[in-house]
């Protein structure tokens, strides 16, 4: 039986809790934190005493979180994000464009677009460090999961400041190798005679596939299915089929099929929390991303 302690909760113990929760075992948490397994165990036990309840049940496969642990998981993650943001701010010299900026972008943007955008920024501000968080999930800027995000949806929260940087068109693309072997479609209906590359299970992408079906006039069958946009692009580059690609990226080395057809257009925004927006390091990155808007958007 646990008794609730009146002492303030220890952040080190929270870190151990989160590491065990995400790693599934004391040993995995120890590796993450750089601590010995007995130290991690001691911190979990101390936290359990402070809270007055068990957080994990020991099992053959590791540490199984209790219902209460699952309830506490999200607040603990927010504490971790806030602590990381505090550290980034604390390590940035006052008034100087230096230190770490955490930037959240989609996998596709982070792999195919952002490296070329960041090169001149880091050349001009060599004391900057960029943490890239690549995810198709929207980062929670209000709870400081990231300092800046590039989003395809305008934020609605009043505490966030957003700058529209353009609109990215999506079109059909194929590689020269595919065209040599399979020819070029002459109409939307002709796509039925070609191998297509598309989504697997992601709801947003499946809605785009449904829109494609309306354009074509019949259900769309994909020869290769994946929810990874970089993997879709890699398959198109390899000549495995025709896929939907962001036009600025596709035009670099692929051939646009049915160029008169735009599948969809993605409005693009640079977003930051208003409390952080004018910190020198964040302002420098924010302004640079806005000024590089031509790289993100399709020509009009």
C-alpha atoms as a PDB file:
ATOM      1  CA  UNK A   1       0.000   0.000   0.000  1.00  0.00           C
ATOM      2  CA  UNK A   2       1.318   3.446  -0.970  1.00  0.00           C
ATOM      3  CA  UNK A   3       0.937   6.653   1.046  1.00  0.00           C
ATOM      4  CA  UNK A   4       0.881   9.997  -0.776  1.00  0.00           C
ATOM      5  CA  UNK A   5       3.990  12.060  -0.004  1.00  0.00           C
ATOM      6  CA  UNK A   6       3.761  15.799   0.630  1.00  0.00           C
ATOM      7  CA  UNK A   7       7.213  16.430  -0.860  1.00  0.00           C
ATOM      8  CA  UNK A   8       7.498  18.138  -4.284  1.00  0.00           C
ATOM      9  CA  UNK A   9       7.711  15.699  -7.159  1.00  0.00           C
ATOM     10  CA  UNK A  10      11.225  15.140  -8.539  1.00  0.00           C
ATOM     11  CA  UNK A  11      11.715  15.756 -12.290  1.00  0.00           C
ATOM     12  CA  UNK A  12      14.394  13.064 -12.433  1.00  0.00           C
ATOM     13  CA  UNK A  13      11.761  10.582 -11.310  1.00  0.00           C
ATOM     14  CA  UNK A  14       9.379  11.818 -14.005  1.00  0.00           C
ATOM     15  CA  UNK A  15      12.089  11.257 -16.607  1.00  0.00           C
ATOM     16  CA  UNK A  16      12.551   7.713 -15.379  1.00  0.00           C
ATOM     17  CA  UNK A  17       8.786   7.149 -15.512  1.00  0.00           C
ATOM     18  CA  UNK A  18       8.570   8.373 -19.100  1.00  0.00           C
ATOM     19  CA  UNK A  19      11.618   6.345 -20.168  1.00  0.00           C
ATOM     20  CA  UNK A  20      10.163   3.140 -18.700  1.00  0.00           C
ATOM     21  CA  UNK A  21       6.766   3.887 -20.205  1.00  0.00           C
ATOM     22  CA  UNK A  22       8.234   4.375 -23.689  1.00  0.00           C
ATOM     23  CA  UNK A  23      10.990   1.766 -23.436  1.00  0.00           C
ATOM     24  CA  UNK A  24       8.905  -0.953 -21.785  1.00  0.00           C
ATOM     25  CA  UNK A  25      11.552  -2.054 -19.309  1.00  0.00           C
ATOM     26  CA  UNK A  26      13.984  -0.807 -16.677  1.00  0.00           C
ATOM     27  CA  UNK A  27      16.970  -1.802 -18.788  1.00  0.00           C
ATOM     28  CA  UNK A  28      15.687   0.062 -21.863  1.00  0.00           C
ATOM     29  CA  UNK A  29      15.007   3.129 -19.730  1.00  0.00           C
ATOM     30  CA  UNK A  30      18.485   2.879 -18.266  1.00  0.00           C
ATOM     31  CA  UNK A  31      20.039   2.885 -21.720  1.00  0.00           C
ATOM     32  CA  UNK A  32      17.956   5.915 -22.718  1.00  0.00           C
ATOM     33  CA  UNK A  33      18.885   7.881 -19.608  1.00  0.00           C
ATOM     34  CA  UNK A  34      22.440   6.608 -19.268  1.00  0.00           C
ATOM     35  CA  UNK A  35      21.680   5.184 -15.815  1.00  0.00           C
ATOM     36  CA  UNK A  36      22.105   1.837 -14.111  1.00  0.00           C
ATOM     37  CA  UNK A  37      18.977  -0.307 -13.910  1.00  0.00           C
ATOM     38  CA  UNK A  38      18.847  -0.172 -10.070  1.00  0.00           C
ATOM     39  CA  UNK A  39      18.886   3.651 -10.246  1.00  0.00           C
ATOM     40  CA  UNK A  40      15.920   3.653 -12.609  1.00  0.00           C
ATOM     41  CA  UNK A  41      14.076   1.227 -10.338  1.00  0.00           C
ATOM     42  CA  UNK A  42      14.764   3.446  -7.326  1.00  0.00           C
ATOM     43  CA  UNK A  43      13.400   6.494  -9.129  1.00  0.00           C
ATOM     44  CA  UNK A  44      10.230   4.683 -10.172  1.00  0.00           C
ATOM     45  CA  UNK A  45       9.700   3.473  -6.618  1.00  0.00           C
ATOM     46  CA  UNK A  46      10.267   6.993  -5.288  1.00  0.00           C
ATOM     47  CA  UNK A  47       7.704   8.381  -7.707  1.00  0.00           C
ATOM     48  CA  UNK A  48       5.208   5.691  -6.765  1.00  0.00           C
ATOM     49  CA  UNK A  49       5.649   6.591  -3.093  1.00  0.00           C
ATOM     50  CA  UNK A  50       5.150  10.272  -3.893  1.00  0.00           C
ATOM     51  CA  UNK A  51       1.960   9.554  -5.822  1.00  0.00           C
ATOM     52  CA  UNK A  52       0.683   6.946  -3.420  1.00  0.00           C
ATOM     53  CA  UNK A  53       0.012   4.349  -6.114  1.00  0.00           C
ATOM     54  CA  UNK A  54       1.696   1.816  -8.365  1.00  0.00           C
ATOM     55  CA  UNK A  55       2.618   2.869 -11.886  1.00  0.00           C
ATOM     56  CA  UNK A  56       3.924  -0.391 -13.328  1.00  0.00           C
ATOM     57  CA  UNK A  57       3.358  -4.090 -12.925  1.00  0.00           C
ATOM     58  CA  UNK A  58       6.419  -6.265 -13.453  1.00  0.00           C
ATOM     59  CA  UNK A  59       5.866  -8.988 -16.053  1.00  0.00           C
ATOM     60  CA  UNK A  60       8.003 -11.445 -17.995  1.00  0.00           C
ATOM     61  CA  UNK A  61       8.144  -9.124 -20.989  1.00  0.00           C
ATOM     62  CA  UNK A  62       9.045  -6.005 -19.005  1.00  0.00           C
ATOM     63  CA  UNK A  63       7.135  -3.303 -17.157  1.00  0.00           C
ATOM     64  CA  UNK A  64       3.395  -3.050 -17.864  1.00  0.00           C
ATOM     65  CA  UNK A  65       1.899   0.393 -17.119  1.00  0.00           C
ATOM     66  CA  UNK A  66      -1.123   0.611 -14.843  1.00  0.00           C
ATOM     67  CA  UNK A  67      -4.226   2.552 -15.815  1.00  0.00           C
ATOM     68  CA  UNK A  68      -2.992   5.457 -13.700  1.00  0.00           C
ATOM     69  CA  UNK A  69       0.353   5.438 -15.509  1.00  0.00           C
ATOM     70  CA  UNK A  70      -1.448   5.751 -18.833  1.00  0.00           C
ATOM     71  CA  UNK A  71      -3.413   8.714 -17.467  1.00  0.00           C
ATOM     72  CA  UNK A  72      -0.168  10.390 -16.412  1.00  0.00           C
ATOM     73  CA  UNK A  73       1.631   9.691 -19.696  1.00  0.00           C
ATOM     74  CA  UNK A  74       0.488  12.793 -21.587  1.00  0.00           C
ATOM     75  CA  UNK A  75       1.189  15.271 -18.738  1.00  0.00           C
ATOM     76  CA  UNK A  76       4.633  13.696 -18.355  1.00  0.00           C
ATOM     77  CA  UNK A  77       5.338  14.096 -22.060  1.00  0.00           C
ATOM     78  CA  UNK A  78       4.283  17.745 -21.895  1.00  0.00           C
ATOM     79  CA  UNK A  79       6.636  18.264 -18.971  1.00  0.00           C
ATOM     80  CA  UNK A  80       9.423  16.716 -21.033  1.00  0.00           C
ATOM     81  CA  UNK A  81       8.660  18.968 -24.008  1.00  0.00           C
ATOM     82  CA  UNK A  82       8.594  22.036 -21.738  1.00  0.00           C
ATOM     83  CA  UNK A  83      11.881  21.019 -20.093  1.00  0.00           C
ATOM     84  CA  UNK A  84      13.496  20.572 -23.508  1.00  0.00           C
ATOM     85  CA  UNK A  85      12.188  23.986 -24.631  1.00  0.00           C
ATOM     86  CA  UNK A  86      13.540  25.512 -21.414  1.00  0.00           C
ATOM     87  CA  UNK A  87      16.917  23.983 -22.139  1.00  0.00           C
ATOM     88  CA  UNK A  88      16.972  25.280 -25.709  1.00  0.00           C
ATOM     89  CA  UNK A  89      16.126  28.790 -24.521  1.00  0.00           C
ATOM     90  CA  UNK A  90      18.589  28.689 -21.629  1.00  0.00           C
ATOM     91  CA  UNK A  91      21.448  27.615 -23.884  1.00  0.00           C
ATOM     92  CA  UNK A  92      20.842  30.456 -26.362  1.00  0.00           C
ATOM     93  CA  UNK A  93      23.033  33.510 -25.703  1.00  0.00           C
ATOM     94  CA  UNK A  94      20.863  36.578 -25.076  1.00  0.00           C
ATOM     95  CA  UNK A  95      20.472  38.735 -28.178  1.00  0.00           C
ATOM     96  CA  UNK A  96      22.526  36.412 -30.373  1.00  0.00           C
ATOM     97  CA  UNK A  97      21.381  34.204 -33.236  1.00  0.00           C
ATOM     98  CA  UNK A  98      22.695  31.014 -31.714  1.00  0.00           C
ATOM     99  CA  UNK A  99      21.442  27.915 -29.983  1.00  0.00           C
ATOM    100  CA  UNK A 100      18.950  25.188 -30.866  1.00  0.00           C
ATOM    101  CA  UNK A 101      15.679  25.522 -32.764  1.00  0.00           C
ATOM    102  CA  UNK A 102      13.372  22.504 -32.946  1.00  0.00           C
ATOM    103  CA  UNK A 103      11.592  22.426 -36.303  1.00  0.00           C
ATOM    104  CA  UNK A 104       8.606  20.155 -36.972  1.00  0.00           C
ATOM    105  CA  UNK A 105       7.851  19.212 -40.591  1.00  0.00           C
ATOM    106  CA  UNK A 106       6.313  16.332 -42.504  1.00  0.00           C
ATOM    107  CA  UNK A 107       8.567  13.463 -43.554  1.00  0.00           C
ATOM    108  CA  UNK A 108       8.348  14.461 -47.208  1.00  0.00           C
ATOM    109  CA  UNK A 109       9.215  18.132 -46.619  1.00  0.00           C
ATOM    110  CA  UNK A 110      11.987  17.182 -44.222  1.00  0.00           C
ATOM    111  CA  UNK A 111      13.612  14.787 -46.669  1.00  0.00           C
ATOM    112  CA  UNK A 112      12.940  16.327 -50.069  1.00  0.00           C
ATOM    113  CA  UNK A 113      12.660  20.086 -49.506  1.00  0.00           C
ATOM    114  CA  UNK A 114      14.111  21.312 -46.239  1.00  0.00           C
ATOM    115  CA  UNK A 115      17.821  20.395 -46.587  1.00  0.00           C
ATOM    116  CA  UNK A 116      18.280  22.807 -49.484  1.00  0.00           C
ATOM    117  CA  UNK A 117      16.387  25.487 -47.545  1.00  0.00           C
ATOM    118  CA  UNK A 118      18.503  25.104 -44.409  1.00  0.00           C
ATOM    119  CA  UNK A 119      21.892  25.187 -46.139  1.00  0.00           C
ATOM    120  CA  UNK A 120      22.082  28.989 -46.627  1.00  0.00           C
ATOM    121  CA  UNK A 121      20.544  29.598 -43.185  1.00  0.00           C
ATOM    122  CA  UNK A 122      23.242  27.616 -41.404  1.00  0.00           C
ATOM    123  CA  UNK A 123      25.949  29.128 -43.594  1.00  0.00           C
ATOM    124  CA  UNK A 124      24.810  32.607 -42.524  1.00  0.00           C
ATOM    125  CA  UNK A 125      24.259  31.689 -38.856  1.00  0.00           C
ATOM    126  CA  UNK A 126      26.834  28.975 -38.049  1.00  0.00           C
ATOM    127  CA  UNK A 127      26.029  29.056 -34.317  1.00  0.00           C
ATOM    128  CA  UNK A 128      22.481  27.834 -34.957  1.00  0.00           C
ATOM    129  CA  UNK A 129      21.588  24.186 -34.386  1.00  0.00           C
ATOM    130  CA  UNK A 130      18.462  22.665 -35.921  1.00  0.00           C
ATOM    131  CA  UNK A 131      16.562  19.763 -34.374  1.00  0.00           C
ATOM    132  CA  UNK A 132      14.378  18.194 -37.067  1.00  0.00           C
ATOM    133  CA  UNK A 133      11.211  16.451 -35.924  1.00  0.00           C
ATOM    134  CA  UNK A 134       9.897  14.559 -38.960  1.00  0.00           C
ATOM    135  CA  UNK A 135       6.303  13.464 -38.556  1.00  0.00           C
ATOM    136  CA  UNK A 136       3.049  13.636 -40.451  1.00  0.00           C
ATOM    137  CA  UNK A 137       1.341  14.302 -37.109  1.00  0.00           C
ATOM    138  CA  UNK A 138       0.789  17.951 -36.206  1.00  0.00           C
ATOM    139  CA  UNK A 139       3.229  19.066 -33.514  1.00  0.00           C
ATOM    140  CA  UNK A 140       1.649  20.694 -30.451  1.00  0.00           C
ATOM    141  CA  UNK A 141       3.310  24.113 -30.438  1.00  0.00           C
ATOM    142  CA  UNK A 142       1.181  25.276 -27.517  1.00  0.00           C
ATOM    143  CA  UNK A 143       2.908  22.689 -25.334  1.00  0.00           C
ATOM    144  CA  UNK A 144       6.275  23.323 -27.002  1.00  0.00           C
ATOM    145  CA  UNK A 145       6.758  20.032 -28.821  1.00  0.00           C
ATOM    146  CA  UNK A 146       8.601  22.233 -31.316  1.00  0.00           C
ATOM    147  CA  UNK A 147       9.628  25.868 -31.681  1.00  0.00           C
ATOM    148  CA  UNK A 148       8.529  26.221 -35.317  1.00  0.00           C
ATOM    149  CA  UNK A 149       6.401  24.052 -37.583  1.00  0.00           C
ATOM    150  CA  UNK A 150       5.649  23.950 -41.292  1.00  0.00           C
ATOM    151  CA  UNK A 151       2.021  22.997 -41.660  1.00  0.00           C
ATOM    152  CA  UNK A 152      -0.430  22.353 -44.461  1.00  0.00           C
ATOM    153  CA  UNK A 153      -3.340  23.625 -42.351  1.00  0.00           C
ATOM    154  CA  UNK A 154      -3.673  27.123 -40.922  1.00  0.00           C
ATOM    155  CA  UNK A 155      -3.649  26.972 -37.099  1.00  0.00           C
ATOM    156  CA  UNK A 156      -6.746  28.186 -35.300  1.00  0.00           C
ATOM    157  CA  UNK A 157      -5.232  28.767 -31.841  1.00  0.00           C
ATOM    158  CA  UNK A 158      -4.873  32.459 -31.037  1.00  0.00           C
ATOM    159  CA  UNK A 159      -1.522  31.944 -29.302  1.00  0.00           C
ATOM    160  CA  UNK A 160       0.101  30.774 -32.543  1.00  0.00           C
ATOM    161  CA  UNK A 161       1.476  33.101 -35.194  1.00  0.00           C
ATOM    162  CA  UNK A 162       1.380  31.844 -38.779  1.00  0.00           C
ATOM    163  CA  UNK A 163       2.723  33.143 -42.083  1.00  0.00           C
ATOM    164  CA  UNK A 164       1.354  31.772 -45.343  1.00  0.00           C
ATOM    165  CA  UNK A 165       4.262  30.866 -47.618  1.00  0.00           C
ATOM    166  CA  UNK A 166       2.525  29.454 -50.664  1.00  0.00           C
ATOM    167  CA  UNK A 167       0.503  26.694 -52.184  1.00  0.00           C
ATOM    168  CA  UNK A 168       1.925  23.375 -53.317  1.00  0.00           C
ATOM    169  CA  UNK A 169       0.193  21.680 -56.251  1.00  0.00           C
ATOM    170  CA  UNK A 170       0.033  17.909 -56.531  1.00  0.00           C
ATOM    171  CA  UNK A 171       0.282  16.274 -59.935  1.00  0.00           C
ATOM    172  CA  UNK A 172       0.870  12.934 -61.636  1.00  0.00           C
ATOM    173  CA  UNK A 173       4.525  12.067 -62.254  1.00  0.00           C
ATOM    174  CA  UNK A 174       6.524   9.191 -63.706  1.00  0.00           C
ATOM    175  CA  UNK A 175      10.188   8.524 -64.347  1.00  0.00           C
ATOM    176  CA  UNK A 176      11.727   8.472 -67.835  1.00  0.00           C
ATOM    177  CA  UNK A 177      12.378   4.751 -67.310  1.00  0.00           C
ATOM    178  CA  UNK A 178       8.683   4.052 -66.723  1.00  0.00           C
ATOM    179  CA  UNK A 179       7.687   6.094 -69.767  1.00  0.00           C
ATOM    180  CA  UNK A 180      10.121   4.194 -72.004  1.00  0.00           C
ATOM    181  CA  UNK A 181       8.597   0.870 -70.971  1.00  0.00           C
ATOM    182  CA  UNK A 182       4.924   1.775 -70.549  1.00  0.00           C
ATOM    183  CA  UNK A 183       4.286   4.952 -72.489  1.00  0.00           C
ATOM    184  CA  UNK A 184       2.482   8.114 -71.424  1.00  0.00           C
ATOM    185  CA  UNK A 185      -1.223   8.302 -70.465  1.00  0.00           C
ATOM    186  CA  UNK A 186      -3.186  10.559 -72.778  1.00  0.00           C
ATOM    187  CA  UNK A 187      -6.202  11.074 -70.503  1.00  0.00           C
ATOM    188  CA  UNK A 188      -7.387  10.471 -66.955  1.00  0.00           C
ATOM    189  CA  UNK A 189      -9.276   7.411 -68.160  1.00  0.00           C
ATOM    190  CA  UNK A 190      -6.065   6.069 -69.692  1.00  0.00           C
ATOM    191  CA  UNK A 191      -4.559   5.813 -66.203  1.00  0.00           C
ATOM    192  CA  UNK A 192      -6.487   2.550 -65.853  1.00  0.00           C
ATOM    193  CA  UNK A 193      -3.932   1.062 -68.266  1.00  0.00           C
ATOM    194  CA  UNK A 194      -0.965   2.073 -66.112  1.00  0.00           C
ATOM    195  CA  UNK A 195       0.569   1.024 -62.806  1.00  0.00           C
ATOM    196  CA  UNK A 196      -0.260   3.524 -60.095  1.00  0.00           C
ATOM    197  CA  UNK A 197       1.468   4.185 -56.774  1.00  0.00           C
ATOM    198  CA  UNK A 198      -0.652   5.415 -53.888  1.00  0.00           C
ATOM    199  CA  UNK A 199      -1.724   5.270 -50.242  1.00  0.00           C
ATOM    200  CA  UNK A 200      -2.395   2.272 -48.077  1.00  0.00           C
ATOM    201  CA  UNK A 201      -4.373   3.122 -44.920  1.00  0.00           C
ATOM    202  CA  UNK A 202      -3.857   6.802 -44.029  1.00  0.00           C
ATOM    203  CA  UNK A 203      -7.281   8.454 -43.942  1.00  0.00           C
ATOM    204  CA  UNK A 204      -6.173  11.777 -45.417  1.00  0.00           C
ATOM    205  CA  UNK A 205      -4.431  10.090 -48.338  1.00  0.00           C
ATOM    206  CA  UNK A 206      -7.318   7.724 -48.941  1.00  0.00           C
ATOM    207  CA  UNK A 207      -9.596  10.753 -49.259  1.00  0.00           C
ATOM    208  CA  UNK A 208      -7.235  12.052 -51.929  1.00  0.00           C
ATOM    209  CA  UNK A 209      -7.459   8.674 -53.673  1.00  0.00           C
ATOM    210  CA  UNK A 210     -11.258   8.972 -53.562  1.00  0.00           C
ATOM    211  CA  UNK A 211     -10.948  12.378 -55.197  1.00  0.00           C
ATOM    212  CA  UNK A 212      -8.733  10.832 -57.878  1.00  0.00           C
ATOM    213  CA  UNK A 213     -11.401   8.204 -58.493  1.00  0.00           C
ATOM    214  CA  UNK A 214     -13.942  10.960 -59.112  1.00  0.00           C
ATOM    215  CA  UNK A 215     -11.629  12.630 -61.592  1.00  0.00           C
ATOM    216  CA  UNK A 216     -10.896   9.371 -63.392  1.00  0.00           C
ATOM    217  CA  UNK A 217     -14.499   8.185 -63.308  1.00  0.00           C
ATOM    218  CA  UNK A 218     -13.800   4.755 -61.808  1.00  0.00           C
ATOM    219  CA  UNK A 219     -12.144   3.261 -58.670  1.00  0.00           C
ATOM    220  CA  UNK A 220      -8.380   3.633 -58.641  1.00  0.00           C
ATOM    221  CA  UNK A 221      -6.297   0.466 -58.227  1.00  0.00           C
ATOM    222  CA  UNK A 222      -2.769   0.915 -56.910  1.00  0.00           C
ATOM    223  CA  UNK A 223      -0.020  -1.510 -57.883  1.00  0.00           C
ATOM    224  CA  UNK A 224       2.084  -0.279 -54.942  1.00  0.00           C
ATOM    225  CA  UNK A 225       0.540   1.006 -51.731  1.00  0.00           C
ATOM    226  CA  UNK A 226       2.334   2.819 -48.910  1.00  0.00           C
ATOM    227  CA  UNK A 227       1.451   5.626 -46.532  1.00  0.00           C
ATOM    228  CA  UNK A 228       5.027   6.916 -46.621  1.00  0.00           C
ATOM    229  CA  UNK A 229       5.230   9.812 -49.074  1.00  0.00           C
ATOM    230  CA  UNK A 230       9.041   9.521 -49.399  1.00  0.00           C
ATOM    231  CA  UNK A 231       8.561   5.821 -50.207  1.00  0.00           C
ATOM    232  CA  UNK A 232       5.946   6.683 -52.837  1.00  0.00           C
ATOM    233  CA  UNK A 233       8.385   9.121 -54.429  1.00  0.00           C
ATOM    234  CA  UNK A 234      11.177   6.533 -54.319  1.00  0.00           C
ATOM    235  CA  UNK A 235       8.926   4.049 -56.115  1.00  0.00           C
ATOM    236  CA  UNK A 236       8.111   6.623 -58.799  1.00  0.00           C
ATOM    237  CA  UNK A 237      11.806   7.426 -59.240  1.00  0.00           C
ATOM    238  CA  UNK A 238      12.571   3.721 -59.615  1.00  0.00           C
ATOM    239  CA  UNK A 239      10.120   3.448 -62.513  1.00  0.00           C
ATOM    240  CA  UNK A 240       7.598   1.306 -60.660  1.00  0.00           C
ATOM    241  CA  UNK A 241       4.593   3.367 -61.661  1.00  0.00           C
ATOM    242  CA  UNK A 242       2.857   6.747 -61.821  1.00  0.00           C
ATOM    243  CA  UNK A 243       2.370   8.574 -58.533  1.00  0.00           C
ATOM    244  CA  UNK A 244       1.074  11.825 -57.108  1.00  0.00           C
ATOM    245  CA  UNK A 245       3.994  14.093 -56.218  1.00  0.00           C
ATOM    246  CA  UNK A 246       4.385  17.680 -55.067  1.00  0.00           C
ATOM    247  CA  UNK A 247       4.962  19.560 -58.316  1.00  0.00           C
ATOM    248  CA  UNK A 248       8.095  21.532 -57.264  1.00  0.00           C
ATOM    249  CA  UNK A 249       9.781  18.270 -56.229  1.00  0.00           C
ATOM    250  CA  UNK A 250       8.549  16.202 -59.162  1.00  0.00           C
ATOM    251  CA  UNK A 251       9.751  18.728 -61.721  1.00  0.00           C
ATOM    252  CA  UNK A 252      13.368  18.273 -60.628  1.00  0.00           C
ATOM    253  CA  UNK A 253      13.919  14.903 -62.271  1.00  0.00           C
ATOM    254  CA  UNK A 254      10.571  13.328 -63.178  1.00  0.00           C
ATOM    255  CA  UNK A 255       8.122  13.866 -66.018  1.00  0.00           C
ATOM    256  CA  UNK A 256       4.715  15.311 -65.271  1.00  0.00           C
ATOM    257  CA  UNK A 257       1.862  13.262 -66.656  1.00  0.00           C
ATOM    258  CA  UNK A 258      -1.314  15.072 -67.750  1.00  0.00           C
ATOM    259  CA  UNK A 259       0.131  18.466 -66.755  1.00  0.00           C
ATOM    260  CA  UNK A 260      -3.226  20.157 -67.183  1.00  0.00           C
ATOM    261  CA  UNK A 261      -4.507  18.189 -64.160  1.00  0.00           C
ATOM    262  CA  UNK A 262      -3.851  19.388 -60.598  1.00  0.00           C
ATOM    263  CA  UNK A 263      -4.967  16.729 -58.123  1.00  0.00           C
ATOM    264  CA  UNK A 264      -5.026  19.087 -55.144  1.00  0.00           C
ATOM    265  CA  UNK A 265      -3.263  22.149 -53.748  1.00  0.00           C
ATOM    266  CA  UNK A 266      -1.762  22.348 -50.257  1.00  0.00           C
ATOM    267  CA  UNK A 267      -1.630  25.732 -48.553  1.00  0.00           C
ATOM    268  CA  UNK A 268       1.585  25.954 -46.556  1.00  0.00           C
ATOM    269  CA  UNK A 269       2.228  27.880 -43.349  1.00  0.00           C
ATOM    270  CA  UNK A 270       5.187  28.618 -41.081  1.00  0.00           C
ATOM    271  CA  UNK A 271       3.947  28.613 -37.481  1.00  0.00           C
ATOM    272  CA  UNK A 272       5.439  29.540 -34.101  1.00  0.00           C
ATOM    273  CA  UNK A 273       4.129  30.286 -30.616  1.00  0.00           C
ATOM    274  CA  UNK A 274       3.689  34.029 -30.059  1.00  0.00           C
ATOM    275  CA  UNK A 275       5.733  33.853 -26.841  1.00  0.00           C
ATOM    276  CA  UNK A 276       8.738  32.498 -28.738  1.00  0.00           C
ATOM    277  CA  UNK A 277       8.304  34.140 -32.117  1.00  0.00           C
ATOM    278  CA  UNK A 278      10.701  37.041 -31.502  1.00  0.00           C
ATOM    279  CA  UNK A 279      13.498  35.185 -29.742  1.00  0.00           C
ATOM    280  CA  UNK A 280      16.500  35.940 -32.002  1.00  0.00           C
ATOM    281  CA  UNK A 281      17.243  32.335 -32.971  1.00  0.00           C
ATOM    282  CA  UNK A 282      13.587  31.537 -33.674  1.00  0.00           C
ATOM    283  CA  UNK A 283      12.979  34.798 -35.510  1.00  0.00           C
ATOM    284  CA  UNK A 284      15.962  34.095 -37.772  1.00  0.00           C
ATOM    285  CA  UNK A 285      14.676  30.638 -38.720  1.00  0.00           C
ATOM    286  CA  UNK A 286      11.070  31.832 -39.083  1.00  0.00           C
ATOM    287  CA  UNK A 287      12.063  34.709 -41.383  1.00  0.00           C
ATOM    288  CA  UNK A 288      14.334  32.491 -43.455  1.00  0.00           C
ATOM    289  CA  UNK A 289      11.561  29.945 -44.045  1.00  0.00           C
ATOM    290  CA  UNK A 290       9.205  32.738 -45.115  1.00  0.00           C
ATOM    291  CA  UNK A 291      11.810  34.205 -47.470  1.00  0.00           C
ATOM    292  CA  UNK A 292      12.383  30.736 -48.963  1.00  0.00           C
ATOM    293  CA  UNK A 293       8.693  30.405 -49.797  1.00  0.00           C
ATOM    294  CA  UNK A 294       9.418  30.013 -53.513  1.00  0.00           C
ATOM    295  CA  UNK A 295      11.061  26.663 -52.824  1.00  0.00           C
ATOM    296  CA  UNK A 296       7.993  25.361 -51.027  1.00  0.00           C
ATOM    297  CA  UNK A 297       5.272  26.559 -53.390  1.00  0.00           C
ATOM    298  CA  UNK A 298       4.323  25.836 -56.994  1.00  0.00           C
ATOM    299  CA  UNK A 299       4.819  28.639 -59.556  1.00  0.00           C
ATOM    300  CA  UNK A 300       1.651  30.479 -60.502  1.00  0.00           C
END
